[in-house]
Amino acid sequence: MHFDLLESFLIGAVLSPTDAASVFSILRSKKLNLKHNTASLLEVESGSNDPCAYMLTILLLELMQGDASGGKTLYMIFAQVVFGALIGVAAALLSAFVLKKTGCSGNGFDSLFVFATALASYAGAAVIGGNGYLSAYITGIILGNMSIPNKKSLVNFFDGITGLMQILIFFLLGLLSFPSQLPRVIIPAIFIALFITFIARPLIVFGILTPFGCPVRQQILVSWSGLRGASSIVFAITALVSSAQIESDLFNIVFLVVLFSIAFQGTLIPFAAKKLDMIDDKSDVMKTFNDYTEEVPVQFIKLPIKINHPWANKKVKNIHLLPNTILALIIRGDKRIVPRGNTVVQPDDIVVMSGSALESDYIGSLTELEIDEENEWIGESMSNIKFDDDKLVILIRRGNRVIFPTGKTTVKQGDVLIINQSYKSPQKSMTEIK
């Protein structure tokens, strides 16, 4: 197609990364539970090829500008990989230390701190000639696999940031593209897209995965899941703003290839997974993305231990708990104690218990009732107050105090009663249907 040799290499470098966010979004939204840990494989591959593509793009731009030499090129590759990896590891370990030791996990400060860590990881590597993308990726990999406070909310926060960045990148793509210029590059763009999809990526995937004994069906699906997206757009913009002389219409070619990949390949990934019999009903793709909400239906209860509590001064092994509950943690002042059988529960401890979350067709609605001076319940004990059969007072707020009522609890003026009213879900249970 009469492209200059270095420009053809540049187009290949710009289009080489697969778009992690697009792949993840499809797998999550369709809940494609794939066999042979294919989702994890795609996650690692999609995230790790961006730094490599960036390095190739910068290297080719320097070659096109005539600034590259053998020694300079080797040093650049060394600096990109080594400095990027070192800064990424250092940023992750320092961030984890701060999160664990300073207790900054409240009011969203931890999200801002980790966001700043990502920026610092990228910038710190870039300043000294390292690969900022590699550094930020390694920082995220390490933090994502460490036990840090408030991890679930951090993952949700960055999911939102990822979506926002995708929107901004594609909006920028729309601003920079001119539909009137697309017809003149549509033929080479289609040929490039077809070559990448049906020849280049399958050859590389089969060449890499076959020696590891991966099933052919998995290799076909991995080949098909190489979506192009935001990364290619960013690298195309990087090439356009450089001082390299580019004769081809690089940006519009990338635009059409990305459009083809998202619209054609992305739409058919669920279909391909089913036809290749790659759906695994025994696994959960959400585990790949640190989302355990549906996998662990557990709730926690905080129980203060007063001096006259039946559990005070008793060993854990001598405490009779409700079925399907466990004593998960003891909070004693500033200490967090993981209980063992011989651990003694002391007065003023706070015991945290865990049990199964409610899974039922019966759900409840909470309402507040403030006891004013004319209320007839003032001075009455809870056992003497008649409620409807579907209502129960589960909490009383009395000033700054929180009271869990018993039958002997007396209602006072100014109390706020938290009442739970249970009602049947309109959707019948399987038992009732049968």
Protein backbone atom coordinates (compact mmCIF):
# COMPACT_ATOMS: atom_id res chain seq x y z
CA MET A 1 0.00 0.00 0.00
CA HIS A 2 3.04 2.24 -0.57
CA PHE A 3 3.68 3.15 3.08
CA ASP A 4 7.16 4.21 4.08
CA LEU A 5 8.93 1.42 5.99
CA LEU A 6 9.30 3.33 9.28
CA GLU A 7 5.76 4.70 9.00
CA SER A 8 4.40 1.18 8.54
CA PHE A 9 6.31 0.13 11.67
CA LEU A 10 4.88 3.18 13.47
CA ILE A 11 1.32 2.22 12.50
CA GLY A 12 2.00 -1.28 13.79
CA ALA A 13 3.35 0.07 17.09
CA VAL A 14 0.40 2.43 17.59
CA LEU A 15 -2.12 -0.33 16.88
CA SER A 16 -0.30 -3.06 18.79
CA PRO A 17 -1.85 -2.58 22.28
CA THR A 18 -5.17 -4.21 23.08
CA ASP A 19 -7.65 -2.09 25.00
CA ALA A 20 -7.91 -3.41 28.55
CA ALA A 21 -10.94 -1.32 29.52
CA SER A 22 -12.98 -2.51 26.52
CA VAL A 23 -12.14 -6.17 27.11
CA PHE A 24 -12.90 -5.91 30.84
CA SER A 25 -16.15 -4.04 30.21
CA ILE A 26 -17.44 -6.74 27.87
CA LEU A 27 -16.44 -9.60 30.18
CA ARG A 28 -18.03 -7.91 33.19
CA SER A 29 -21.22 -6.63 31.59
CA LYS A 30 -21.94 -9.99 29.96
CA LYS A 31 -20.53 -11.93 32.94
CA LEU A 32 -18.51 -14.15 30.65
CA ASN A 33 -17.03 -16.75 32.96
CA LEU A 34 -14.32 -18.22 30.73
CA LYS A 35 -12.57 -21.56 31.05
CA HIS A 36 -8.82 -22.09 31.62
CA ASN A 37 -8.39 -18.73 33.43
CA THR A 38 -8.78 -16.96 30.10
CA ALA A 39 -10.15 -13.80 31.73
CA SER A 40 -7.03 -13.48 33.89
CA LEU A 41 -4.84 -14.10 30.84
CA LEU A 42 -6.60 -11.33 28.91
CA GLU A 43 -6.34 -9.02 31.92
CA VAL A 44 -2.56 -9.42 32.18
CA GLU A 45 -2.05 -9.26 28.42
CA SER A 46 -4.22 -6.18 27.89
CA GLY A 47 -2.60 -4.28 30.73
CA SER A 48 1.02 -5.19 30.07
CA ASN A 49 1.18 -4.52 26.33
CA ASP A 50 0.51 -0.78 26.70
CA PRO A 51 3.99 -0.04 28.12
CA CYS A 52 5.58 -2.09 25.34
CA ALA A 53 3.58 -0.29 22.65
CA TYR A 54 4.51 3.08 24.14
CA MET A 55 8.19 2.15 24.12
CA LEU A 56 7.99 1.02 20.49
CA THR A 57 6.15 4.21 19.49
CA ILE A 58 8.75 6.49 21.13
CA LEU A 59 11.62 4.47 19.63
CA LEU A 60 10.18 4.68 16.10
CA LEU A 61 9.48 8.41 16.42
CA GLU A 62 13.13 8.98 17.37
CA LEU A 63 14.26 6.88 14.40
CA MET A 64 12.04 8.92 12.08
CA GLN A 65 13.50 12.14 13.50
CA GLY A 66 17.04 10.84 12.98
CA ASP A 67 17.87 11.21 16.69
CA ALA A 68 18.44 7.53 17.42
CA SER A 69 21.74 5.67 17.48
CA GLY A 70 22.65 2.14 18.54
CA GLY A 71 23.91 3.10 21.98
CA LYS A 72 21.14 5.62 22.61
CA THR A 73 18.49 3.11 21.60
CA LEU A 74 19.85 0.41 23.89
CA TYR A 75 20.03 2.83 26.82
CA MET A 76 16.49 4.02 26.17
CA ILE A 77 15.17 0.44 26.24
CA PHE A 78 17.14 -0.23 29.44
CA ALA A 79 15.90 2.96 31.11
CA GLN A 80 12.30 2.43 30.05
CA VAL A 81 12.13 -1.08 31.50
CA VAL A 82 14.41 -0.86 34.56
CA PHE A 83 13.56 2.65 35.80
CA GLY A 84 9.86 2.13 35.10
CA ALA A 85 9.81 -1.12 37.07
CA LEU A 86 11.82 0.26 40.01
CA ILE A 87 9.70 3.40 40.37
CA GLY A 88 6.51 1.34 40.10
CA VAL A 89 7.57 -1.05 42.87
CA ALA A 90 8.81 1.79 45.11
CA ALA A 91 5.60 3.82 44.66
CA ALA A 92 3.42 0.80 45.46
CA LEU A 93 5.31 -0.20 48.61
CA LEU A 94 5.44 3.38 49.91
CA SER A 95 1.75 3.90 49.21
CA ALA A 96 0.80 0.64 50.95
CA PHE A 97 2.90 1.61 53.99
CA VAL A 98 1.18 5.00 54.26
CA LEU A 99 -2.32 3.49 53.84
CA LYS A 100 -1.72 0.89 56.55
CA LYS A 101 0.09 3.09 59.08
CA THR A 102 -1.62 6.47 58.89
CA GLY A 103 -5.27 5.41 58.95
CA CYS A 104 -6.28 7.66 56.05
CA SER A 105 -9.11 5.40 54.89
CA GLY A 106 -11.99 7.73 55.73
CA ASN A 107 -13.94 10.36 53.83
CA GLY A 108 -12.50 9.37 50.46
CA PHE A 109 -8.99 10.54 51.32
CA ASP A 110 -7.55 7.11 50.52
CA SER A 111 -9.01 7.28 47.00
CA LEU A 112 -7.39 10.66 46.40
CA PHE A 113 -4.12 9.41 47.88
CA VAL A 114 -3.98 6.32 45.63
CA PHE A 115 -4.94 8.45 42.63
CA ALA A 116 -2.04 10.79 43.46
CA THR A 117 0.19 7.72 43.84
CA ALA A 118 -0.69 6.62 40.29
CA LEU A 119 0.18 10.07 38.93
CA ALA A 120 3.41 10.23 40.92
CA SER A 121 4.37 6.75 39.75
CA TYR A 122 3.91 7.73 36.11
CA ALA A 123 5.60 11.13 36.43
CA GLY A 124 8.48 9.86 38.57
CA ALA A 125 9.42 7.26 35.97
CA ALA A 126 8.97 9.63 33.03
CA VAL A 127 11.24 12.30 34.58
CA ILE A 128 14.23 9.96 34.75
CA GLY A 129 13.62 8.34 31.36
CA GLY A 130 11.59 5.36 32.56
CA ASN A 131 8.35 4.01 31.16
CA GLY A 132 5.53 5.81 32.97
CA TYR A 133 2.88 3.37 31.77
CA LEU A 134 4.91 0.40 33.01
CA SER A 135 5.50 2.12 36.34
CA ALA A 136 1.82 2.94 36.90
CA TYR A 137 0.81 -0.58 35.83
CA ILE A 138 3.22 -2.25 38.25
CA THR A 139 2.06 0.07 41.05
CA GLY A 140 -1.54 -0.95 40.40
CA ILE A 141 -0.70 -4.66 40.18
CA ILE A 142 1.14 -4.62 43.53
CA LEU A 143 -1.48 -2.54 45.38
CA GLY A 144 -4.30 -4.59 43.88
CA ASN A 145 -2.83 -7.79 45.28
CA MET A 146 -2.00 -6.44 48.74
CA SER A 147 -4.21 -6.32 51.79
CA ILE A 148 -4.89 -2.60 52.15
CA PRO A 149 -7.72 -0.80 53.98
CA ASN A 150 -10.92 0.01 52.10
CA LYS A 151 -9.81 -1.91 49.01
CA LYS A 152 -13.33 -2.54 47.71
CA SER A 153 -14.22 1.16 47.52
CA LEU A 154 -10.85 1.91 45.89
CA VAL A 155 -11.60 -0.58 43.11
CA ASN A 156 -15.04 0.97 42.56
CA PHE A 157 -13.51 4.47 42.51
CA PHE A 158 -11.00 3.55 39.83
CA ASP A 159 -13.69 1.74 37.84
CA GLY A 160 -15.47 5.09 37.66
CA ILE A 161 -12.28 6.92 36.75
CA THR A 162 -11.61 4.36 34.00
CA GLY A 163 -15.04 4.95 32.50
CA LEU A 164 -14.59 8.71 32.63
CA MET A 165 -11.19 8.52 30.91
CA GLN A 166 -12.65 6.29 28.19
CA ILE A 167 -15.37 8.87 27.55
CA LEU A 168 -12.86 11.73 27.39
CA ILE A 169 -10.51 9.85 25.06
CA PHE A 170 -13.26 8.96 22.60
CA PHE A 171 -14.65 12.49 22.80
CA LEU A 172 -11.19 13.76 21.93
CA LEU A 173 -11.08 11.27 19.08
CA GLY A 174 -14.31 12.75 17.75
CA LEU A 175 -12.92 16.28 17.97
CA LEU A 176 -9.76 15.38 16.06
CA SER A 177 -11.31 13.28 13.31
CA PHE A 178 -12.86 14.67 10.14
CA PRO A 179 -15.42 12.39 8.44
CA SER A 180 -14.67 14.02 5.09
CA GLN A 181 -11.10 12.66 5.28
CA LEU A 182 -12.10 9.08 6.11
CA PRO A 183 -13.02 7.82 2.58
CA ARG A 184 -9.48 8.28 1.29
CA VAL A 185 -8.00 5.97 3.95
CA ILE A 186 -10.86 3.50 4.33
CA ILE A 187 -9.30 0.88 2.02
CA PRO A 188 -5.88 0.70 3.75
CA ALA A 189 -7.59 0.92 7.19
CA ILE A 190 -9.84 -2.06 6.41
CA PHE A 191 -6.90 -4.09 5.08
CA ILE A 192 -4.87 -3.28 8.22
CA ALA A 193 -7.80 -4.19 10.51
CA LEU A 194 -8.38 -7.49 8.69
CA PHE A 195 -4.67 -8.31 8.71
CA ILE A 196 -4.35 -7.62 12.45
CA THR A 197 -7.52 -9.54 13.31
CA PHE A 198 -7.17 -12.64 11.12
CA ILE A 199 -3.43 -12.98 10.50
CA ALA A 200 -1.06 -11.05 12.78
CA ARG A 201 -2.67 -11.58 16.18
CA PRO A 202 -3.63 -15.26 15.64
CA LEU A 203 -0.08 -16.06 14.46
CA ILE A 204 1.45 -14.43 17.54
CA VAL A 205 -1.10 -15.90 19.98
CA PHE A 206 -0.69 -19.43 18.63
CA GLY A 207 3.08 -19.01 18.51
CA ILE A 208 3.22 -18.01 22.20
CA LEU A 209 0.48 -20.17 23.75
CA THR A 210 0.95 -23.46 21.84
CA PRO A 211 4.22 -24.37 23.65
CA PHE A 212 2.35 -23.98 26.96
CA GLY A 213 -0.23 -26.57 25.95
CA CYS A 214 -3.16 -24.14 25.82
CA PRO A 215 -6.29 -25.56 24.12
CA VAL A 216 -6.91 -24.46 20.54
CA ARG A 217 -10.35 -23.09 21.48
CA GLN A 218 -8.78 -20.84 24.11
CA GLN A 219 -6.17 -19.60 21.65
CA ILE A 220 -8.86 -18.76 19.09
CA LEU A 221 -10.84 -16.79 21.68
CA VAL A 222 -7.73 -14.94 22.89
CA SER A 223 -6.93 -14.09 19.27
CA TRP A 224 -10.41 -12.72 18.73
CA SER A 225 -10.37 -10.69 21.97
CA GLY A 226 -7.55 -8.37 20.87
CA LEU A 227 -9.65 -5.21 20.80
CA ARG A 228 -8.07 -1.88 19.79
CA GLY A 229 -9.22 1.20 21.65
CA ALA A 230 -8.16 4.12 23.81
CA SER A 231 -4.46 3.19 24.02
CA SER A 232 -4.07 3.30 20.23
CA ILE A 233 -5.78 6.67 20.13
CA VAL A 234 -3.44 8.10 22.78
CA PHE A 235 -0.34 6.82 20.95
CA ALA A 236 -1.64 8.17 17.63
CA ILE A 237 -2.00 11.62 19.22
CA THR A 238 1.52 11.26 20.65
CA ALA A 239 2.83 10.59 17.14
CA LEU A 240 0.94 13.53 15.64
CA VAL A 241 2.25 16.09 18.15
CA SER A 242 5.86 14.91 17.74
CA SER A 243 8.26 16.58 15.34
CA ALA A 244 8.54 13.44 13.19
CA GLN A 245 7.54 13.85 9.56
CA ILE A 246 4.57 11.54 8.96
CA GLU A 247 3.30 11.32 5.40
CA SER A 248 0.35 8.98 5.95
CA ASP A 249 -2.95 9.94 7.55
CA LEU A 250 -2.08 8.04 10.72
CA PHE A 251 -4.86 9.38 12.93
CA ASN A 252 -7.76 8.58 10.60
CA ILE A 253 -6.34 5.11 9.92
CA VAL A 254 -6.24 4.45 13.66
CA PHE A 255 -9.78 5.85 13.99
CA LEU A 256 -11.18 3.40 11.44
CA VAL A 257 -9.25 0.41 12.78
CA VAL A 258 -10.46 1.13 16.34
CA LEU A 259 -14.03 1.56 15.09
CA PHE A 260 -13.85 -1.75 13.23
CA SER A 261 -12.37 -3.54 16.24
CA ILE A 262 -14.87 -2.28 18.82
CA ALA A 263 -17.94 -2.63 16.59
CA PHE A 264 -17.09 -5.97 14.96
CA GLN A 265 -14.81 -7.89 17.30
CA GLY A 266 -16.21 -6.52 20.56
CA THR A 267 -19.82 -7.27 19.61
CA LEU A 268 -19.00 -10.87 18.71
CA ILE A 269 -16.89 -11.81 21.77
CA PRO A 270 -19.88 -13.29 23.72
CA PHE A 271 -21.01 -15.17 20.59
CA ALA A 272 -17.49 -16.50 19.96
CA ALA A 273 -17.10 -17.60 23.59
CA LYS A 274 -20.35 -19.62 23.42
CA LYS A 275 -19.63 -21.16 20.02
CA LEU A 276 -16.14 -22.20 21.17
CA ASP A 277 -17.63 -23.73 24.35
CA MET A 278 -15.44 -21.50 26.52
CA ILE A 279 -18.13 -20.58 29.07
CA ASP A 280 -17.45 -21.95 32.56
CA ASP A 281 -20.50 -21.94 34.81
CA LYS A 282 -18.39 -22.95 37.83
CA SER A 283 -16.21 -19.83 37.85
CA ASP A 284 -16.92 -16.15 38.34
CA VAL A 285 -15.29 -13.55 36.10
CA MET A 286 -15.86 -10.90 38.79
CA LYS A 287 -13.07 -12.45 40.86
CA THR A 288 -10.66 -11.32 38.16
CA PHE A 289 -11.56 -7.73 38.92
CA ASN A 290 -11.45 -7.73 42.74
CA ASP A 291 -15.23 -7.71 43.01
CA TYR A 292 -16.28 -10.21 45.68
CA THR A 293 -19.68 -8.79 46.66
CA GLU A 294 -21.66 -11.57 45.02
CA GLU A 295 -19.24 -14.27 46.14
CA VAL A 296 -19.14 -13.53 49.87
CA PRO A 297 -22.64 -12.82 51.26
CA VAL A 298 -21.37 -11.97 54.77
CA GLN A 299 -22.50 -9.29 57.21
CA PHE A 300 -20.77 -8.05 60.37
CA ILE A 301 -22.30 -7.16 63.74
CA LYS A 302 -20.59 -5.01 66.40
CA LEU A 303 -21.34 -6.04 69.99
CA PRO A 304 -20.03 -3.97 72.95
CA ILE A 305 -19.14 -6.10 75.99
CA LYS A 306 -20.18 -4.47 79.28
CA ILE A 307 -18.89 -5.57 82.68
CA ASN A 308 -22.05 -7.57 83.37
CA HIS A 309 -22.25 -9.16 79.94
CA PRO A 310 -22.44 -12.99 80.00
CA TRP A 311 -19.37 -13.20 77.74
CA ALA A 312 -17.15 -10.99 79.92
CA ASN A 313 -14.00 -12.77 81.15
CA LYS A 314 -14.83 -15.91 79.20
CA LYS A 315 -12.63 -17.73 76.72
CA VAL A 316 -13.85 -17.73 73.15
CA LYS A 317 -14.07 -21.52 73.08
CA ASN A 318 -16.52 -21.41 76.02
CA ILE A 319 -18.87 -18.91 74.36
CA HIS A 320 -21.97 -20.40 72.75
CA LEU A 321 -22.64 -18.57 69.49
CA LEU A 322 -25.67 -18.71 67.26
CA PRO A 323 -25.47 -21.28 64.44
CA ASN A 324 -23.67 -20.08 61.30
CA THR A 325 -21.96 -17.21 63.10
CA ILE A 326 -18.34 -16.72 64.11
CA LEU A 327 -16.48 -14.31 66.35
CA ALA A 328 -14.31 -12.56 63.76
CA LEU A 329 -12.50 -9.77 65.65
CA ILE A 330 -12.03 -8.24 69.09
CA ILE A 331 -11.41 -4.50 69.34
CA ARG A 332 -9.65 -3.66 72.61
CA GLY A 333 -8.75 0.01 72.78
CA ASP A 334 -6.38 0.66 69.89
CA LYS A 335 -5.67 -3.06 69.40
CA ARG A 336 -7.23 -5.38 66.84
CA ILE A 337 -7.18 -8.96 68.11
CA VAL A 338 -7.92 -11.96 65.91
CA PRO A 339 -9.57 -14.34 68.41
CA ARG A 340 -8.41 -17.87 69.07
CA GLY A 341 -10.01 -20.49 71.29
CA ASN A 342 -8.04 -19.41 74.38
CA THR A 343 -8.55 -15.66 73.82
CA VAL A 344 -10.38 -14.13 76.81
CA VAL A 345 -13.12 -11.59 76.10
CA GLN A 346 -12.73 -8.68 78.53
CA PRO A 347 -15.14 -5.98 79.69
CA ASP A 348 -15.13 -2.88 77.42
CA ASP A 349 -14.10 -5.01 74.45
CA ILE A 350 -15.99 -4.61 71.20
CA VAL A 351 -16.70 -7.98 69.61
CA VAL A 352 -17.25 -8.16 65.85
CA MET A 353 -19.28 -11.15 64.72
CA SER A 354 -19.90 -12.35 61.16
CA GLY A 355 -22.73 -14.36 59.70
CA SER A 356 -24.53 -15.08 56.46
CA ALA A 357 -26.22 -12.14 54.78
CA LEU A 358 -29.98 -12.24 54.35
CA GLU A 359 -31.02 -14.19 51.27
CA SER A 360 -34.79 -14.23 51.30
CA ASP A 361 -37.86 -13.09 49.46
CA TYR A 362 -38.75 -11.03 52.54
CA ILE A 363 -37.29 -7.56 52.61
CA GLY A 364 -37.86 -4.66 54.95
CA SER A 365 -38.44 -0.94 54.97
CA LEU A 366 -36.99 1.26 57.75
CA THR A 367 -38.96 4.23 59.05
CA GLU A 368 -38.35 6.73 61.87
CA LEU A 369 -40.86 7.73 64.52
CA GLU A 370 -40.01 10.61 66.85
CA ILE A 371 -41.70 10.50 70.27
CA ASP A 372 -43.10 13.98 70.98
CA GLU A 373 -44.57 15.20 74.27
CA GLU A 374 -48.11 14.12 73.38
CA ASN A 375 -47.23 10.55 72.40
CA GLU A 376 -49.11 7.96 74.43
CA TRP A 377 -46.11 5.61 74.48
CA ILE A 378 -44.05 7.81 76.82
CA GLY A 379 -43.23 5.85 80.00
CA GLU A 380 -44.40 2.57 78.52
CA SER A 381 -42.12 -0.48 78.24
CA MET A 382 -41.67 -2.05 74.81
CA SER A 383 -43.48 -5.20 75.92
CA ASN A 384 -46.67 -3.19 76.64
CA ILE A 385 -46.74 -1.43 73.27
CA LYS A 386 -48.82 -3.17 70.64
CA PHE A 387 -47.34 -3.10 67.15
CA ASP A 388 -48.67 -4.58 63.94
CA ASP A 389 -47.45 -8.11 63.30
CA ASP A 390 -45.18 -6.96 60.46
CA LYS A 391 -43.42 -4.19 62.46
CA LEU A 392 -40.56 -4.29 64.96
CA VAL A 393 -38.59 -1.55 66.72
CA ILE A 394 -34.98 -2.48 66.05
CA LEU A 395 -33.24 0.65 67.38
CA ILE A 396 -33.83 3.67 69.60
CA ARG A 397 -31.83 6.89 69.24
CA ARG A 398 -31.80 8.78 72.54
CA GLY A 399 -29.69 11.91 72.17
CA ASN A 400 -26.19 10.70 71.34
CA ARG A 401 -26.93 7.17 72.54
CA VAL A 402 -27.98 4.19 70.49
CA ILE A 403 -30.16 1.63 72.31
CA PHE A 404 -31.07 -1.86 71.13
CA PRO A 405 -34.44 -2.33 72.81
CA THR A 406 -35.64 -5.25 74.87
CA GLY A 407 -39.07 -5.86 76.35
CA LYS A 408 -38.10 -3.88 79.49
CA THR A 409 -36.86 -0.80 77.60
CA THR A 410 -38.95 2.27 78.48
CA VAL A 411 -39.85 4.81 75.81
CA LYS A 412 -39.01 8.43 76.69
CA GLN A 413 -39.92 11.80 75.22
CA GLY A 414 -37.50 12.77 72.44
CA ASP A 415 -36.65 9.19 71.53
CA VAL A 416 -36.45 8.31 67.85
CA LEU A 417 -37.71 4.79 67.14
CA ILE A 418 -36.30 3.02 64.10
CA ILE A 419 -39.03 0.65 62.94
CA ASN A 420 -38.57 -2.18 60.45
CA GLN A 421 -41.63 -3.16 58.47
CA SER A 422 -41.20 -6.43 56.58
CA TYR A 423 -43.14 -7.09 53.43
CA LYS A 424 -43.25 -9.86 50.90
CA SER A 425 -41.40 -9.43 47.64
CA PRO A 426 -43.85 -9.45 44.73
CA GLN A 427 -41.66 -12.06 43.04
CA LYS A 428 -42.66 -15.52 44.25
CA SER A 429 -40.08 -17.91 45.57
CA MET A 430 -39.33 -21.19 43.81
CA THR A 431 -40.92 -23.08 46.70
CA GLU A 432 -44.21 -21.25 46.24
CA ILE A 433 -44.17 -21.79 42.48
CA LYS A 434 -43.74 -25.51 42.99
